[in-house]
Amino acid sequence: AVVLAALAGLCFGSQGYTPLQLWQAWCSGDPQNAVYRVLLHVRWPRTLAGLLAGSALAAAGVLLQAVLNNAMASPNVIGVNAGAGLAALCAAALWPAHPNAVQPAAFAGALAAALLVYGLALGAGVSRTTLVLAGLAVSGMLTAAMNTIKLLYPDAIAGASDFLVGGLSGVTLSGLKGAVLYLITGTLLALLLAADLNVLCLGEQSAASLGLHIGAVRFLGILAAALLAGAAVSFAGLLSFVGLLAPHIARRLVGNNHRILLPAAMLLGAAFVVLCDVLARCLFAPFELPVGILLSLIGGPFVLGLLL
């Protein structure tokens, strides 16, 4: 599915190309070739960004659902995406001459939001309802702050509307480079935690009796989720529901073993975002929808189904 999605991402758009045309253009390496320029500067960065953002948000969703013991937890539901987005917009507004500050700011914002929501839910008694309500409240406040920054610094934050919805149209390879280190670190940490997450899901008493340091595993899980979600938000904007859909679909396909569930969810998330981006490009071509709108239209009914 990932390979087919990536191929579709490279071939389809306002102007369609066959795989053979793309291969011939790539082999030619001719910068005067229009197909080569589209492939190198538009289709390849955009497809790569979709793959990376989808896999990162799906992995963050798996981690948050495990460490918070809540099937409804995901980066957008509990405010992690909003925290990353607010910090990224602040960095862009306050330090416009330093674009490299966006990724660390997004990570810090995601981590702060996740810890804030977890602390609020812990203080009120961790339950599914408490965690979701705390996340919605924090997310609402952070979204209001983002809109305020958008109004106060309209010149410094070009394209903020697309960022708030979530989209991949303006992604470049140079913009992805700064996020790669965070994505690699977060992915490796998530995979290393997979066995501990299996133990944690047995319940706190069982996990503690088996010698698991529950507090450390939870903090590292939230840290990895913040790395992944913050990196994805820094270049793709506030994409919704990927961290909720992909883990649940993967769980139905491969079960609850996190050593298998985590990579399966990452692959599903990557394919899902790229395919939605292809649809967003082609449905009303030459006009293009931000992929975040399509993800919300698909994710909303899915969440209602989970609640029921």
Protein backbone atom coordinates (compact mmCIF):
# COMPACT_ATOMS: atom_id res chain seq x y z
CA ALA A 1 0.00 0.00 0.00
CA VAL A 2 2.82 2.41 0.83
CA VAL A 3 4.60 1.72 -2.47
CA LEU A 4 1.38 2.18 -4.47
CA ALA A 5 0.52 5.34 -2.55
CA ALA A 6 3.98 6.80 -3.15
CA LEU A 7 3.73 5.95 -6.88
CA ALA A 8 0.31 7.63 -7.04
CA GLY A 9 1.74 10.67 -5.25
CA LEU A 10 4.44 11.01 -7.90
CA CYS A 11 2.18 10.36 -10.91
CA PHE A 12 -1.08 12.16 -10.20
CA GLY A 13 -1.88 15.83 -9.81
CA SER A 14 -3.17 18.69 -11.90
CA GLN A 15 -0.95 17.20 -14.63
CA GLY A 16 -0.70 13.41 -14.73
CA TYR A 17 2.40 11.45 -15.76
CA THR A 18 3.03 7.78 -16.33
CA PRO A 19 5.71 5.97 -14.30
CA LEU A 20 7.70 5.59 -17.52
CA GLN A 21 7.64 9.34 -18.16
CA LEU A 22 8.83 10.02 -14.64
CA TRP A 23 11.60 7.44 -14.90
CA GLN A 24 12.83 8.83 -18.23
CA ALA A 25 12.77 12.38 -16.88
CA TRP A 26 14.65 11.35 -13.74
CA CYS A 27 17.30 9.45 -15.72
CA SER A 28 17.79 12.40 -18.04
CA GLY A 29 18.62 14.73 -15.14
CA ASP A 30 17.89 17.65 -17.46
CA PRO A 31 16.94 20.76 -15.44
CA GLN A 32 15.28 22.17 -18.59
CA ASN A 33 12.91 19.19 -18.71
CA ALA A 34 9.52 20.28 -17.31
CA VAL A 35 8.67 16.78 -16.05
CA TYR A 36 12.03 16.54 -14.24
CA ARG A 37 11.46 19.92 -12.54
CA VAL A 38 7.97 18.95 -11.41
CA LEU A 39 9.23 15.61 -10.11
CA LEU A 40 12.24 17.03 -8.26
CA HIS A 41 10.78 20.22 -6.82
CA VAL A 42 7.08 19.41 -6.35
CA ARG A 43 6.03 15.76 -6.45
CA TRP A 44 8.99 14.13 -4.67
CA PRO A 45 9.15 16.56 -1.69
CA ARG A 46 5.37 16.44 -1.32
CA THR A 47 5.14 12.65 -1.44
CA LEU A 48 8.05 12.27 0.98
CA ALA A 49 6.46 14.78 3.36
CA GLY A 50 3.18 12.84 3.28
CA LEU A 51 4.94 9.56 4.03
CA LEU A 52 6.94 11.05 6.91
CA ALA A 53 4.04 12.99 8.44
CA GLY A 54 1.64 10.06 8.20
CA SER A 55 4.02 7.57 9.76
CA ALA A 56 5.06 10.00 12.53
CA LEU A 57 1.50 10.91 13.54
CA ALA A 58 0.40 7.25 13.46
CA ALA A 59 3.31 6.24 15.71
CA ALA A 60 2.53 9.13 18.07
CA GLY A 61 -1.07 7.92 18.25
CA VAL A 62 -0.02 4.36 19.16
CA LEU A 63 2.30 5.67 21.87
CA LEU A 64 -0.25 8.01 23.43
CA GLN A 65 -2.99 5.36 23.43
CA ALA A 66 -0.65 2.95 25.21
CA VAL A 67 0.92 5.23 27.82
CA LEU A 68 -2.36 6.99 28.63
CA ASN A 69 -4.38 3.76 28.50
CA ASN A 70 -7.01 5.50 26.39
CA ALA A 71 -8.21 4.33 22.99
CA MET A 72 -9.35 7.87 22.11
CA ALA A 73 -5.92 9.47 22.66
CA SER A 74 -4.19 10.90 19.61
CA PRO A 75 -2.00 13.94 18.89
CA ASN A 76 -4.88 16.12 17.70
CA VAL A 77 -7.49 14.97 20.24
CA ILE A 78 -5.43 15.70 23.37
CA GLY A 79 -3.84 18.92 22.12
CA VAL A 80 -0.34 17.74 21.19
CA ASN A 81 -0.68 19.01 17.60
CA ALA A 82 -2.05 22.33 18.84
CA GLY A 83 0.87 22.75 21.24
CA ALA A 84 3.36 22.05 18.46
CA GLY A 85 1.53 24.41 16.12
CA LEU A 86 1.46 27.27 18.61
CA ALA A 87 5.17 26.95 19.38
CA ALA A 88 6.02 26.70 15.66
CA LEU A 89 4.02 29.85 14.86
CA CYS A 90 5.66 31.69 17.78
CA ALA A 91 9.11 30.75 16.49
CA ALA A 92 8.21 31.87 12.96
CA ALA A 93 6.81 35.18 14.22
CA LEU A 94 9.53 36.03 16.74
CA TRP A 95 12.57 34.71 14.84
CA PRO A 96 11.70 34.95 11.13
CA ALA A 97 15.39 35.02 10.22
CA HIS A 98 15.96 31.64 11.90
CA PRO A 99 13.79 28.99 10.18
CA ASN A 100 15.75 26.23 11.93
CA ALA A 101 14.12 27.27 15.21
CA VAL A 102 10.72 25.95 14.08
CA GLN A 103 11.43 22.22 14.62
CA PRO A 104 12.79 22.45 18.20
CA ALA A 105 10.01 24.88 19.09
CA ALA A 106 7.37 22.49 17.71
CA PHE A 107 8.83 19.61 19.72
CA ALA A 108 8.89 21.69 22.91
CA GLY A 109 5.30 22.81 22.35
CA ALA A 110 4.10 19.26 21.71
CA LEU A 111 5.83 17.94 24.83
CA ALA A 112 4.49 20.76 27.00
CA ALA A 113 0.92 20.23 25.77
CA ALA A 114 1.09 16.45 26.29
CA LEU A 115 2.46 16.79 29.82
CA LEU A 116 -0.09 19.49 30.65
CA VAL A 117 -3.05 17.36 29.52
CA TYR A 118 -1.69 14.29 31.28
CA GLY A 119 -1.14 16.27 34.49
CA LEU A 120 -4.67 17.74 34.36
CA ALA A 121 -6.22 14.33 33.77
CA LEU A 122 -4.08 12.77 36.50
CA GLY A 123 -5.16 15.40 38.99
CA ALA A 124 -8.82 14.80 38.19
CA GLY A 125 -8.53 11.01 38.00
CA VAL A 126 -7.41 9.46 34.73
CA SER A 127 -10.39 8.22 32.76
CA ARG A 128 -11.29 8.18 29.08
CA THR A 129 -13.74 11.07 29.47
CA THR A 130 -11.46 13.21 31.68
CA LEU A 131 -8.50 12.89 29.33
CA VAL A 132 -10.48 13.73 26.20
CA LEU A 133 -12.20 16.71 27.87
CA ALA A 134 -8.89 18.04 29.20
CA GLY A 135 -7.37 17.65 25.75
CA LEU A 136 -10.26 19.45 24.06
CA ALA A 137 -10.04 22.33 26.55
CA VAL A 138 -6.28 22.74 26.14
CA SER A 139 -6.53 22.37 22.35
CA GLY A 140 -9.21 25.07 22.21
CA MET A 141 -7.07 27.51 24.18
CA LEU A 142 -3.98 26.82 22.09
CA THR A 143 -5.94 27.21 18.85
CA ALA A 144 -7.21 30.60 20.07
CA ALA A 145 -3.61 31.60 20.80
CA MET A 146 -2.57 30.51 17.28
CA ASN A 147 -5.30 32.64 15.71
CA THR A 148 -4.16 35.59 17.84
CA ILE A 149 -0.58 35.26 16.60
CA LYS A 150 -1.88 34.98 13.05
CA LEU A 151 -3.67 38.34 13.47
CA LEU A 152 -0.81 40.10 15.26
CA TYR A 153 1.95 38.95 12.88
CA PRO A 154 0.28 38.60 9.46
CA ASP A 155 3.45 39.37 7.50
CA ALA A 156 5.77 37.09 9.46
CA ILE A 157 3.46 34.09 9.18
CA ALA A 158 2.80 33.67 5.49
CA GLY A 159 0.56 30.73 4.72
CA ALA A 160 -0.69 30.41 8.29
CA SER A 161 -4.18 29.48 7.09
CA ASP A 162 -2.85 26.41 5.28
CA PHE A 163 -0.74 25.56 8.32
CA LEU A 164 -3.73 25.65 10.66
CA VAL A 165 -5.73 23.35 8.38
CA GLY A 166 -2.81 21.09 7.47
CA GLY A 167 -1.36 20.78 3.98
CA LEU A 168 1.65 19.67 1.98
CA SER A 169 1.55 22.05 -0.98
CA GLY A 170 4.50 24.25 0.05
CA VAL A 171 6.85 21.56 1.37
CA THR A 172 10.45 21.57 0.13
CA LEU A 173 13.32 19.16 0.66
CA SER A 174 15.23 21.80 2.61
CA GLY A 175 12.22 22.25 4.88
CA LEU A 176 12.18 18.52 5.60
CA LYS A 177 15.86 18.29 6.51
CA GLY A 178 15.43 19.99 9.88
CA ALA A 179 12.69 17.54 10.91
CA VAL A 180 14.52 14.33 9.95
CA LEU A 181 16.62 14.14 13.14
CA TYR A 182 13.50 14.47 15.33
CA LEU A 183 11.65 11.86 13.26
CA ILE A 184 14.50 9.35 13.44
CA THR A 185 15.01 9.88 17.18
CA GLY A 186 11.30 9.60 17.94
CA THR A 187 10.88 6.47 15.78
CA LEU A 188 13.85 4.69 17.33
CA LEU A 189 12.66 5.55 20.85
CA ALA A 190 9.15 4.32 20.01
CA LEU A 191 10.44 1.01 18.65
CA LEU A 192 12.66 0.52 21.71
CA LEU A 193 9.63 1.06 23.96
CA ALA A 194 7.42 -1.44 22.12
CA ALA A 195 8.07 -4.38 24.49
CA ASP A 196 7.56 -2.18 27.57
CA LEU A 197 4.29 -0.90 26.13
CA ASN A 198 3.06 -4.49 25.90
CA VAL A 199 3.77 -4.91 29.61
CA LEU A 200 2.21 -1.53 30.47
CA CYS A 201 -1.03 -2.50 28.73
CA LEU A 202 -1.44 -5.41 31.17
CA GLY A 203 -2.39 -2.86 33.83
CA GLU A 204 -0.40 -0.84 36.32
CA GLN A 205 -0.36 -3.48 39.07
CA SER A 206 0.70 -6.29 36.75
CA ALA A 207 3.32 -4.10 35.06
CA ALA A 208 4.77 -3.01 38.42
CA SER A 209 4.89 -6.59 39.68
CA LEU A 210 6.90 -7.51 36.57
CA GLY A 211 9.47 -4.82 37.42
CA LEU A 212 8.42 -2.16 34.91
CA HIS A 213 9.17 1.44 35.89
CA ILE A 214 5.77 2.81 34.89
CA GLY A 215 6.58 6.51 35.34
CA ALA A 216 9.71 6.29 33.19
CA VAL A 217 7.97 4.37 30.41
CA ARG A 218 5.09 6.83 30.35
CA PHE A 219 7.40 9.85 30.22
CA LEU A 220 9.56 8.32 27.46
CA GLY A 221 6.44 7.40 25.51
CA ILE A 222 5.11 10.96 25.74
CA LEU A 223 8.58 12.27 24.82
CA ALA A 224 8.73 10.08 21.70
CA ALA A 225 5.18 11.06 20.73
CA ALA A 226 6.07 14.75 21.13
CA LEU A 227 9.19 14.34 18.96
CA LEU A 228 7.17 12.67 16.21
CA ALA A 229 4.10 14.91 16.34
CA GLY A 230 6.16 18.10 16.69
CA ALA A 231 8.33 17.21 13.70
CA ALA A 232 5.29 16.36 11.56
CA VAL A 233 3.45 19.57 12.50
CA SER A 234 6.52 21.70 11.74
CA PHE A 235 6.30 20.95 7.99
CA ALA A 236 2.78 19.56 7.42
CA GLY A 237 0.69 21.74 9.71
CA LEU A 238 -2.15 20.55 11.93
CA LEU A 239 -3.16 17.30 10.22
CA SER A 240 -6.07 15.73 12.09
CA PHE A 241 -7.16 12.18 12.89
CA VAL A 242 -4.18 10.31 11.36
CA GLY A 243 -2.99 9.37 14.85
CA LEU A 244 -6.43 7.96 15.63
CA LEU A 245 -7.39 6.16 12.41
CA ALA A 246 -4.13 4.38 11.60
CA PRO A 247 -3.57 2.78 15.06
CA HIS A 248 -7.15 1.49 15.28
CA ILE A 249 -7.15 0.05 11.76
CA ALA A 250 -3.72 -1.52 12.34
CA ARG A 251 -4.92 -3.00 15.62
CA ARG A 252 -7.77 -4.71 13.78
CA LEU A 253 -5.31 -6.12 11.23
CA VAL A 254 -2.33 -7.23 13.33
CA GLY A 255 -3.49 -7.31 16.96
CA ASN A 256 -2.19 -5.57 20.08
CA ASN A 257 1.48 -6.61 20.12
CA HIS A 258 3.21 -3.22 19.91
CA ARG A 259 6.31 -4.69 18.29
CA ILE A 260 4.10 -5.41 15.25
CA LEU A 261 1.39 -2.81 15.78
CA LEU A 262 3.76 0.17 15.80
CA PRO A 263 5.41 -0.41 12.39
CA ALA A 264 2.09 -1.53 10.88
CA ALA A 265 0.38 1.69 12.03
CA MET A 266 3.28 3.76 10.68
CA LEU A 267 2.97 2.14 7.25
CA LEU A 268 -0.81 2.60 7.23
CA GLY A 269 -0.51 6.24 8.31
CA ALA A 270 2.05 6.96 5.60
CA ALA A 271 -0.11 5.41 2.86
CA PHE A 272 -3.27 7.08 4.15
CA VAL A 273 -1.89 10.64 4.17
CA VAL A 274 -0.33 10.33 0.70
CA LEU A 275 -3.51 8.85 -0.82
CA CYS A 276 -5.63 11.60 0.77
CA ASP A 277 -3.20 14.19 -0.59
CA VAL A 278 -3.54 12.71 -4.09
CA LEU A 279 -7.34 12.91 -3.79
CA ALA A 280 -7.11 16.48 -2.52
CA ARG A 281 -5.08 17.41 -5.59
CA CYS A 282 -7.26 15.65 -8.15
CA LEU A 283 -10.87 16.00 -6.96
CA PHE A 284 -11.25 19.65 -7.98
CA ALA A 285 -8.21 20.07 -10.25
CA PRO A 286 -6.74 22.53 -11.07
CA PHE A 287 -8.06 23.88 -7.73
CA GLU A 288 -6.47 22.08 -4.79
CA LEU A 289 -7.89 21.26 -1.36
CA PRO A 290 -5.54 21.22 1.65
CA VAL A 291 -5.20 17.58 2.65
CA GLY A 292 -6.16 18.45 6.23
CA ILE A 293 -9.74 19.19 5.11
CA LEU A 294 -10.08 15.75 3.52
CA LEU A 295 -8.56 14.05 6.59
CA SER A 296 -11.10 15.80 8.83
CA LEU A 297 -14.01 14.80 6.59
CA ILE A 298 -12.90 11.17 6.80
CA GLY A 299 -11.77 11.21 10.43
CA GLY A 300 -14.87 12.84 11.93
CA PRO A 301 -17.26 9.96 11.15
CA PHE A 302 -14.58 7.48 12.23
CA VAL A 303 -14.34 9.13 15.67
CA LEU A 304 -18.13 9.10 16.01
CA GLY A 305 -18.07 5.39 15.24
CA LEU A 306 -15.44 4.81 17.93
CA LEU A 307 -17.48 6.76 20.47
CA LEU A 308 -20.61 4.73 19.70
